Amino acid sequence: MRANLIAGLDIGTTKTSAVIGEISGDPRRGTLNILGVGQARTSGVRGDVVTNIDEMTESIRTSLKEAELMAGASVDRVFAGIGGEHIRASSSMGVVAVADEEISHDDVDRVHVVARAVALPPDREMLHAIPQEYVVDHRRGIKDPVGMTGTRLESDVYLVTCASIAAANIRRAVNRAGYRVQELVLDPLAGARSILTEDEKEVGVAMVEIGGSTMSVAAYFEGKIRHVAILPFGGTTLTQDLVRGLSVPYAEAVRAKERFATAYAQLVDPRETVELPGPSPNQQRHVARELIAHIVEQRLDEMFGLVERELQEQDLLNRLGAGIVVTGGTAALPGIVELAQQIFAAPVRLGRPGEGLSGLADSVARPKFATATGLALWGADRFAETGEGASTLTSGVLTKLGTWIKEFF
């Protein structure tokens, strides 16, 4: 019987991915042993809006069942990702008087509660409250104040909120699929957990994750999250450009993007042509592959330009010593690193999960699994901190039975 199973669930706009891992060794220093990976086409979701919760539920169930089949074990709970344009992030400062001369864990807990105590509209929900730094008697830049002497403790906390209805729909769909949500995690934070190193976060790095309908940006500096943004462009934007530019149906545009697209037109032989459907049934026509590359490159150039502007407005662009890490399903396009290097004039690498993983790690070593793998790693971190959040085979069966009973009655 397997114990300490962790499942990450990434509900994207085009694909739903699940990763199941087992915490091996000492949870505080161990690795995540990847046991199973599942994937299904996402249905019932358009952009940030759930259009059919039954179809969404089926996508979740299919991806998790496939991961469970590969793992040879069942889980009862998942760490689920959430993203979209409804996400909001801000900083909040909390201040408390130190109870004794020496700062204790209780003082730190109290200052976190004060920093989190912001008024939220009824349609908003708190996702994360991430401590950035502490200030003891006006001395800034303190990472851990416990044990220090002082009379006044301040904490700068990065708050992330989401639309309550978006979170409720994810929980409902997961429950209907026979599981429960252990924790909702912001997609960019999960992706960063799986592909960014601590050294990169220290010297400054920005992760750009290009999903189906949105593009997420997470910037780190001095080891702390500095900015999160979600922009309304993604892989489907490229597909829609190909529909118009090539005059082909949407399904054919998807096929052309997957088979022939390149992000950097200079890498394509201008003499190369590809076959695409013609205007009449059963008719084929030859199209220069360079044309497809130009259409994709032009849109990606615009999208990366928006990211550059976002980082510039936050005064972060010149602080990214480690440059840019590009990930997400669209990052698999050939030439995307070369294009990004030209636009950002900074080091760029492709982000693939790998560090801290064992077992079937090669199954998730692709940009499209960055978020799902990061969610599983996030769950492993939570288990190391609290001893909660993991599944066992027995508890999984019992909890699922309880969930199904609730659904029927």
Protein backbone atom coordinates (compact mmCIF):
# COMPACT_ATOMS: atom_id res chain seq x y z
CA MET A 1 0.00 0.00 0.00
CA ARG A 2 1.43 3.37 -1.05
CA ALA A 3 1.41 6.26 1.39
CA ASN A 4 2.04 9.98 1.05
CA LEU A 5 0.67 10.30 -2.46
CA ILE A 6 0.40 13.83 -3.85
CA ALA A 7 -1.68 14.79 -6.89
CA GLY A 8 -1.47 17.99 -8.93
CA LEU A 9 -4.34 18.96 -11.24
CA ASP A 10 -3.90 21.63 -13.93
CA ILE A 11 -7.24 22.58 -15.53
CA GLY A 12 -6.17 24.49 -18.64
CA THR A 13 -8.40 25.97 -21.28
CA THR A 14 -7.39 23.36 -23.86
CA LYS A 15 -6.00 20.43 -21.82
CA THR A 16 -6.41 19.12 -18.29
CA SER A 17 -3.30 17.48 -16.85
CA ALA A 18 -2.81 15.40 -13.71
CA VAL A 19 0.44 14.32 -12.04
CA ILE A 20 0.62 11.83 -9.16
CA GLY A 21 3.79 11.47 -7.12
CA GLU A 22 4.95 9.78 -3.94
CA ILE A 23 7.06 11.56 -1.37
CA SER A 24 10.19 9.47 -0.93
CA GLY A 25 12.67 9.67 1.92
CA ASP A 26 12.54 12.36 4.57
CA PRO A 27 9.70 14.72 3.49
CA ARG A 28 11.83 17.72 4.42
CA ARG A 29 14.67 16.70 2.11
CA GLY A 30 13.19 14.00 -0.09
CA THR A 31 12.27 14.03 -3.74
CA LEU A 32 8.92 13.53 -5.40
CA ASN A 33 8.79 10.14 -7.08
CA ILE A 34 6.58 10.59 -10.17
CA LEU A 35 4.24 7.60 -10.48
CA GLY A 36 1.59 8.62 -13.00
CA VAL A 37 0.65 11.27 -15.55
CA GLY A 38 -2.75 11.83 -17.16
CA GLN A 39 -4.08 14.21 -19.76
CA ALA A 40 -7.49 14.95 -21.29
CA ARG A 41 -8.94 17.57 -23.58
CA THR A 42 -10.63 20.29 -21.54
CA SER A 43 -14.34 20.67 -22.27
CA GLY A 44 -16.89 22.98 -20.73
CA VAL A 45 -14.43 25.87 -20.29
CA ARG A 46 -14.04 28.94 -22.47
CA GLY A 47 -11.37 31.33 -21.31
CA ASP A 48 -12.01 31.99 -17.61
CA VAL A 49 -15.67 31.00 -17.82
CA VAL A 50 -17.09 27.55 -17.05
CA THR A 51 -19.74 26.90 -19.71
CA ASN A 52 -20.63 23.31 -18.79
CA ILE A 53 -19.64 21.94 -15.41
CA ASP A 54 -20.52 18.35 -16.37
CA GLU A 55 -18.07 18.42 -19.28
CA MET A 56 -15.43 20.03 -17.07
CA THR A 57 -15.99 17.29 -14.48
CA GLU A 58 -15.48 14.60 -17.12
CA SER A 59 -12.18 16.18 -18.23
CA ILE A 60 -10.96 16.16 -14.62
CA ARG A 61 -12.10 12.56 -14.05
CA THR A 62 -10.48 11.32 -17.28
CA SER A 63 -7.09 12.90 -16.59
CA LEU A 64 -6.96 11.72 -12.97
CA LYS A 65 -8.10 8.18 -13.82
CA GLU A 66 -5.38 7.95 -16.47
CA ALA A 67 -2.77 9.12 -13.94
CA GLU A 68 -4.08 6.65 -11.34
CA LEU A 69 -3.94 3.80 -13.85
CA MET A 70 -0.31 4.56 -14.62
CA ALA A 71 0.51 4.96 -10.92
CA GLY A 72 -1.30 1.79 -9.87
CA ALA A 73 -2.80 3.69 -6.94
CA SER A 74 -5.72 5.97 -6.13
CA VAL A 75 -5.79 9.44 -4.62
CA ASP A 76 -8.65 11.16 -2.84
CA ARG A 77 -7.52 14.79 -2.96
CA VAL A 78 -5.70 17.11 -5.33
CA PHE A 79 -3.78 20.36 -5.31
CA ALA A 80 -5.61 22.22 -8.09
CA GLY A 81 -4.39 25.18 -10.08
CA ILE A 82 -6.36 28.34 -10.72
CA GLY A 83 -5.60 31.19 -13.10
CA GLY A 84 -7.27 33.71 -15.37
CA GLU A 85 -7.74 37.44 -15.73
CA HIS A 86 -9.78 37.55 -12.51
CA ILE A 87 -6.61 37.09 -10.42
CA ARG A 88 -5.50 40.14 -8.43
CA ALA A 89 -2.29 40.65 -6.44
CA SER A 90 -1.21 43.39 -4.02
CA SER A 91 1.08 44.03 -1.06
CA SER A 92 -0.08 44.50 2.52
CA MET A 93 1.86 45.56 5.61
CA GLY A 94 1.12 44.20 9.07
CA VAL A 95 2.46 45.69 12.34
CA VAL A 96 2.38 44.25 15.88
CA ALA A 97 4.06 44.96 19.21
CA VAL A 98 6.43 42.20 20.32
CA ALA A 99 5.06 40.43 23.41
CA ASP A 100 8.46 39.82 25.03
CA GLU A 101 11.93 41.14 24.35
CA GLU A 102 12.59 38.22 21.99
CA ILE A 103 10.46 37.70 18.87
CA SER A 104 8.64 34.36 18.93
CA HIS A 105 6.72 32.26 16.40
CA ASP A 106 3.51 33.58 17.96
CA ASP A 107 4.57 37.15 17.14
CA VAL A 108 5.21 36.14 13.53
CA ASP A 109 1.83 34.42 13.31
CA ARG A 110 0.11 37.51 14.72
CA VAL A 111 1.75 39.88 12.23
CA HIS A 112 0.70 37.58 9.39
CA VAL A 113 -2.91 37.67 10.61
CA VAL A 114 -2.82 41.48 10.73
CA ALA A 115 -1.35 41.72 7.22
CA ARG A 116 -4.02 39.36 5.87
CA ALA A 117 -6.84 41.26 7.52
CA VAL A 118 -7.86 43.29 4.47
CA ALA A 119 -11.46 43.90 3.45
CA LEU A 120 -12.40 41.76 0.46
CA PRO A 121 -15.54 42.23 -1.64
CA PRO A 122 -18.06 39.38 -1.27
CA ASP A 123 -17.17 38.08 -4.73
CA ARG A 124 -13.43 37.75 -3.96
CA GLU A 125 -11.51 34.97 -2.16
CA MET A 126 -8.02 34.95 -0.64
CA LEU A 127 -5.69 32.48 -2.35
CA HIS A 128 -2.24 33.25 -0.94
CA ALA A 129 -0.58 35.47 1.65
CA ILE A 130 3.16 35.20 0.98
CA PRO A 131 5.57 36.90 3.42
CA GLN A 132 8.10 39.02 1.52
CA GLU A 133 10.27 40.43 4.30
CA TYR A 134 10.17 41.47 7.95
CA VAL A 135 11.05 44.75 9.60
CA VAL A 136 12.22 44.77 13.23
CA ASP A 137 12.35 48.21 14.86
CA HIS A 138 12.64 49.80 11.38
CA ARG A 139 15.49 47.48 10.30
CA ARG A 140 14.46 46.11 6.90
CA GLY A 141 15.48 43.07 4.85
CA ILE A 142 15.03 40.45 7.57
CA LYS A 143 14.05 36.98 6.34
CA ASP A 144 13.42 35.26 9.68
CA PRO A 145 12.92 37.45 12.77
CA VAL A 146 12.37 34.61 15.27
CA GLY A 147 14.85 34.90 18.15
CA MET A 148 15.77 38.52 17.41
CA THR A 149 15.37 41.29 19.99
CA GLY A 150 12.91 44.06 19.26
CA THR A 151 9.73 45.84 20.29
CA ARG A 152 8.02 46.34 16.91
CA LEU A 153 7.56 43.72 14.19
CA GLU A 154 6.34 44.46 10.67
CA SER A 155 5.71 42.09 7.79
CA ASP A 156 5.31 42.86 4.10
CA VAL A 157 2.95 40.22 2.68
CA TYR A 158 2.07 39.60 -0.97
CA LEU A 159 -1.67 38.89 -1.23
CA VAL A 160 -3.27 37.03 -4.14
CA THR A 161 -7.06 36.91 -4.55
CA CYS A 162 -9.39 35.31 -7.07
CA ALA A 163 -13.05 35.46 -8.08
CA SER A 164 -15.08 33.37 -5.63
CA ILE A 165 -17.21 31.87 -8.40
CA ALA A 166 -14.13 30.63 -10.29
CA ALA A 167 -12.81 28.88 -7.17
CA ALA A 168 -16.26 27.44 -6.36
CA ASN A 169 -16.64 25.99 -9.86
CA ILE A 170 -13.27 24.22 -9.65
CA ARG A 171 -14.10 22.74 -6.25
CA ARG A 172 -17.53 21.62 -7.44
CA ALA A 173 -16.19 19.96 -10.59
CA VAL A 174 -13.43 18.18 -8.65
CA ASN A 175 -15.96 16.98 -6.05
CA ARG A 176 -18.27 15.67 -8.77
CA ALA A 177 -15.34 13.78 -10.27
CA GLY A 178 -14.97 11.92 -6.94
CA TYR A 179 -12.09 13.86 -5.39
CA ARG A 180 -11.67 16.94 -3.23
CA VAL A 181 -9.50 20.02 -3.46
CA GLN A 182 -6.85 20.10 -0.77
CA GLU A 183 -5.69 23.55 -1.80
CA LEU A 184 -6.15 25.96 -4.70
CA VAL A 185 -2.81 27.28 -5.97
CA LEU A 186 -2.17 30.11 -8.39
CA ASP A 187 -0.97 28.63 -11.69
CA PRO A 188 2.12 30.88 -12.12
CA LEU A 189 3.32 30.10 -8.59
CA ALA A 190 2.92 26.37 -9.25
CA GLY A 191 4.75 26.59 -12.57
CA ALA A 192 7.58 28.55 -10.95
CA ARG A 193 7.89 25.87 -8.26
CA SER A 194 8.67 23.20 -10.83
CA ILE A 195 11.05 25.03 -13.19
CA LEU A 196 12.78 27.90 -11.37
CA THR A 197 15.81 27.36 -9.15
CA GLU A 198 16.45 29.17 -5.88
CA ASP A 199 19.56 30.76 -7.38
CA GLU A 200 17.52 32.17 -10.27
CA LYS A 201 14.94 33.60 -7.87
CA GLU A 202 17.73 35.24 -5.87
CA VAL A 203 19.47 37.02 -8.76
CA GLY A 204 16.20 37.84 -10.56
CA VAL A 205 14.16 35.86 -13.05
CA ALA A 206 10.82 36.08 -14.83
CA MET A 207 8.81 33.02 -15.83
CA VAL A 208 6.58 33.42 -18.87
CA GLU A 209 4.07 30.58 -19.16
CA ILE A 210 2.09 30.54 -22.41
CA GLY A 211 -1.09 28.56 -21.91
CA GLY A 212 -4.13 28.04 -24.08
CA SER A 213 -5.94 31.36 -23.66
CA THR A 214 -3.71 33.31 -21.25
CA MET A 215 -0.06 34.10 -20.68
CA SER A 216 1.19 34.19 -17.08
CA VAL A 217 4.15 36.17 -15.81
CA ALA A 218 5.81 35.57 -12.44
CA ALA A 219 8.85 37.71 -11.57
CA TYR A 220 11.23 36.98 -8.69
CA PHE A 221 14.05 39.03 -7.21
CA GLU A 222 16.11 38.54 -4.04
CA GLY A 223 14.33 35.23 -3.53
CA LYS A 224 10.86 36.78 -3.30
CA ILE A 225 7.89 36.95 -5.65
CA ARG A 226 7.74 40.54 -6.89
CA HIS A 227 5.02 40.57 -9.51
CA VAL A 228 2.35 38.34 -11.02
CA ALA A 229 0.38 39.19 -14.13
CA ILE A 230 -1.97 37.24 -16.39
CA LEU A 231 -2.40 38.54 -19.93
CA PRO A 232 -5.31 37.59 -22.26
CA PHE A 233 -3.22 35.96 -25.00
CA GLY A 234 -2.14 32.35 -25.48
CA GLY A 235 -1.83 29.45 -27.88
CA THR A 236 -5.41 29.87 -29.15
CA THR A 237 -4.49 33.43 -30.19
CA LEU A 238 -1.87 31.98 -32.54
CA THR A 239 -4.40 29.47 -33.87
CA GLN A 240 -6.95 32.19 -34.60
CA ASP A 241 -4.30 34.17 -36.49
CA LEU A 242 -3.57 31.10 -38.60
CA VAL A 243 -7.29 30.66 -39.33
CA ARG A 244 -7.42 34.18 -40.78
CA GLY A 245 -3.97 34.21 -42.36
CA LEU A 246 -4.24 30.81 -44.07
CA SER A 247 -8.02 30.79 -44.67
CA VAL A 248 -8.45 27.36 -43.11
CA PRO A 249 -10.93 25.95 -40.55
CA TYR A 250 -9.95 26.07 -36.87
CA ALA A 251 -9.13 22.35 -36.65
CA GLU A 252 -6.80 22.63 -39.65
CA ALA A 253 -5.15 25.69 -38.12
CA VAL A 254 -4.45 23.69 -34.95
CA ARG A 255 -2.95 20.91 -37.05
CA ALA A 256 -0.81 23.38 -39.03
CA LYS A 257 0.45 24.99 -35.82
CA GLU A 258 1.38 21.65 -34.25
CA ARG A 259 3.06 20.22 -37.37
CA PHE A 260 4.58 23.15 -39.24
CA ALA A 261 4.75 26.27 -37.07
CA THR A 262 8.05 27.84 -36.03
CA ALA A 263 8.35 30.84 -33.73
CA TYR A 264 11.38 32.32 -35.49
CA ALA A 265 10.98 32.68 -39.26
CA GLN A 266 14.73 32.87 -39.91
CA LEU A 267 14.98 29.17 -39.02
CA VAL A 268 12.71 28.17 -41.93
CA ASP A 269 13.91 27.44 -45.47
CA PRO A 270 12.03 29.95 -47.68
CA ARG A 271 11.74 27.30 -50.41
CA GLU A 272 9.90 24.80 -48.17
CA THR A 273 6.17 24.31 -48.74
CA VAL A 274 3.50 22.33 -46.88
CA GLU A 275 0.14 20.94 -47.95
CA LEU A 276 -3.03 22.46 -46.52
CA PRO A 277 -6.72 21.95 -47.40
CA GLY A 278 -7.98 24.02 -50.30
CA PRO A 279 -11.28 25.90 -50.61
CA SER A 280 -13.08 22.91 -52.13
CA PRO A 281 -13.59 19.47 -50.54
CA ASN A 282 -10.73 17.03 -51.09
CA GLN A 283 -8.61 19.80 -52.57
CA GLN A 284 -5.05 20.47 -51.39
CA ARG A 285 -2.88 23.53 -51.87
CA HIS A 286 0.78 24.29 -51.26
CA VAL A 287 1.64 27.03 -48.78
CA ALA A 288 5.09 28.36 -47.96
CA ARG A 289 6.07 27.21 -44.47
CA GLU A 290 7.72 30.60 -44.06
CA LEU A 291 4.26 32.21 -44.20
CA ILE A 292 3.11 30.14 -41.21
CA ALA A 293 6.28 31.11 -39.35
CA HIS A 294 5.76 34.81 -40.10
CA ILE A 295 2.18 34.73 -38.78
CA VAL A 296 3.23 32.98 -35.56
CA GLU A 297 6.35 35.12 -35.07
CA GLN A 298 4.44 38.38 -35.50
CA ARG A 299 1.91 37.45 -32.80
CA LEU A 300 4.53 36.09 -30.39
CA ASP A 301 6.58 39.25 -30.92
CA GLU A 302 3.55 41.27 -29.81
CA MET A 303 2.89 38.99 -26.82
CA PHE A 304 6.50 39.11 -25.60
CA GLY A 305 6.39 42.88 -26.10
CA LEU A 306 3.48 43.08 -23.65
CA VAL A 307 5.47 41.04 -21.13
CA GLU A 308 8.46 43.34 -21.56
CA ARG A 309 6.25 46.38 -20.98
CA GLU A 310 4.70 44.76 -17.90
CA LEU A 311 8.13 44.12 -16.37
CA GLN A 312 9.35 47.58 -17.31
CA GLU A 313 6.38 49.25 -15.60
CA GLN A 314 7.18 47.32 -12.42
CA ASP A 315 10.86 48.38 -12.63
CA LEU A 316 11.89 44.73 -12.83
CA LEU A 317 13.32 44.35 -16.32
CA ASN A 318 16.82 45.48 -15.31
CA ARG A 319 16.83 43.29 -12.19
CA LEU A 320 16.51 39.94 -13.97
CA GLY A 321 20.05 38.67 -13.73
CA ALA A 322 18.95 35.14 -14.66
CA GLY A 323 16.83 36.41 -17.54
CA ILE A 324 13.61 34.83 -18.79
CA VAL A 325 12.30 31.27 -18.56
CA VAL A 326 9.64 30.37 -21.13
CA THR A 327 7.30 27.47 -20.45
CA GLY A 328 3.76 26.21 -21.09
CA GLY A 329 2.37 24.21 -24.00
CA THR A 330 3.10 26.88 -26.64
CA ALA A 331 6.74 27.03 -25.51
CA ALA A 332 7.27 23.75 -27.39
CA LEU A 333 7.30 25.71 -30.67
CA PRO A 334 10.74 25.52 -32.33
CA GLY A 335 12.61 28.83 -32.28
CA ILE A 336 10.71 30.36 -29.36
CA VAL A 337 13.88 30.73 -27.26
CA GLU A 338 15.70 32.47 -30.12
CA LEU A 339 12.78 34.89 -30.63
CA ALA A 340 12.53 35.67 -26.91
CA GLN A 341 16.28 36.31 -26.69
CA GLN A 342 16.00 38.83 -29.50
CA ILE A 343 13.06 40.67 -27.90
CA PHE A 344 14.19 40.73 -24.27
CA ALA A 345 17.92 41.08 -25.01
CA ALA A 346 18.49 38.81 -22.01
CA PRO A 347 19.33 35.16 -21.31
CA VAL A 348 16.36 32.91 -22.15
CA ARG A 349 15.89 29.21 -21.48
CA LEU A 350 13.09 26.70 -21.93
CA GLY A 351 11.45 25.68 -18.66
CA ARG A 352 10.97 21.94 -18.09
CA PRO A 353 10.25 20.21 -14.76
CA GLY A 354 13.12 18.06 -13.54
CA GLU A 355 14.75 19.22 -10.33
CA GLY A 356 13.59 17.34 -7.23
CA LEU A 357 11.89 14.61 -9.27
CA SER A 358 12.56 10.89 -9.63
CA GLY A 359 10.72 7.85 -10.94
CA LEU A 360 8.92 8.64 -14.20
CA ALA A 361 10.38 12.14 -14.23
CA ASP A 362 10.95 11.96 -17.99
CA SER A 363 7.16 11.75 -18.46
CA VAL A 364 6.72 15.29 -17.16
CA ALA A 365 9.95 16.81 -18.50
CA ARG A 366 8.03 18.95 -20.99
CA PRO A 367 6.92 22.60 -20.75
CA LYS A 368 3.22 21.69 -20.91
CA PHE A 369 3.49 19.80 -17.60
CA ALA A 370 5.14 22.65 -15.70
CA THR A 371 2.00 23.66 -13.80
CA ALA A 372 0.70 20.17 -13.01
CA THR A 373 4.12 19.07 -11.77
CA GLY A 374 4.53 22.27 -9.80
CA LEU A 375 1.20 21.65 -8.09
CA ALA A 376 2.38 18.21 -7.00
CA LEU A 377 5.64 19.70 -5.70
CA TRP A 378 3.67 22.42 -3.92
CA GLY A 379 1.66 19.66 -2.23
CA ALA A 380 4.88 17.90 -1.22
CA ASP A 381 6.11 21.14 0.34
CA ARG A 382 2.86 21.51 2.27
CA PHE A 383 3.15 17.94 3.53
CA ALA A 384 6.71 18.61 4.72
CA GLU A 385 5.50 21.71 6.61
CA THR A 386 2.25 20.45 8.09
CA GLY A 387 2.05 16.67 7.59
CA GLU A 388 -1.25 17.21 5.74
CA GLY A 389 -2.43 17.00 2.16
CA ALA A 390 -1.25 13.52 1.17
CA SER A 391 -3.43 10.57 0.15
CA THR A 392 -3.15 6.90 0.98
CA LEU A 393 -4.81 4.11 -0.94
CA THR A 394 -7.21 3.28 1.87
CA SER A 395 -8.22 6.84 2.72
CA GLY A 396 -8.65 7.55 -0.97
CA VAL A 397 -11.26 4.83 -1.36
CA LEU A 398 -13.17 5.85 1.77
CA THR A 399 -13.16 9.54 0.95
CA LYS A 400 -14.30 8.93 -2.62
CA LEU A 401 -17.15 6.78 -1.35
CA GLY A 402 -18.22 9.62 0.93
CA THR A 403 -18.02 12.10 -1.94
CA TRP A 404 -20.13 9.91 -4.22
CA ILE A 405 -22.75 9.47 -1.50
CA LYS A 406 -22.97 13.25 -1.08
CA GLU A 407 -23.42 13.68 -4.82
CA PHE A 408 -26.27 11.16 -4.96
CA PHE A 409 -28.07 12.37 -1.84
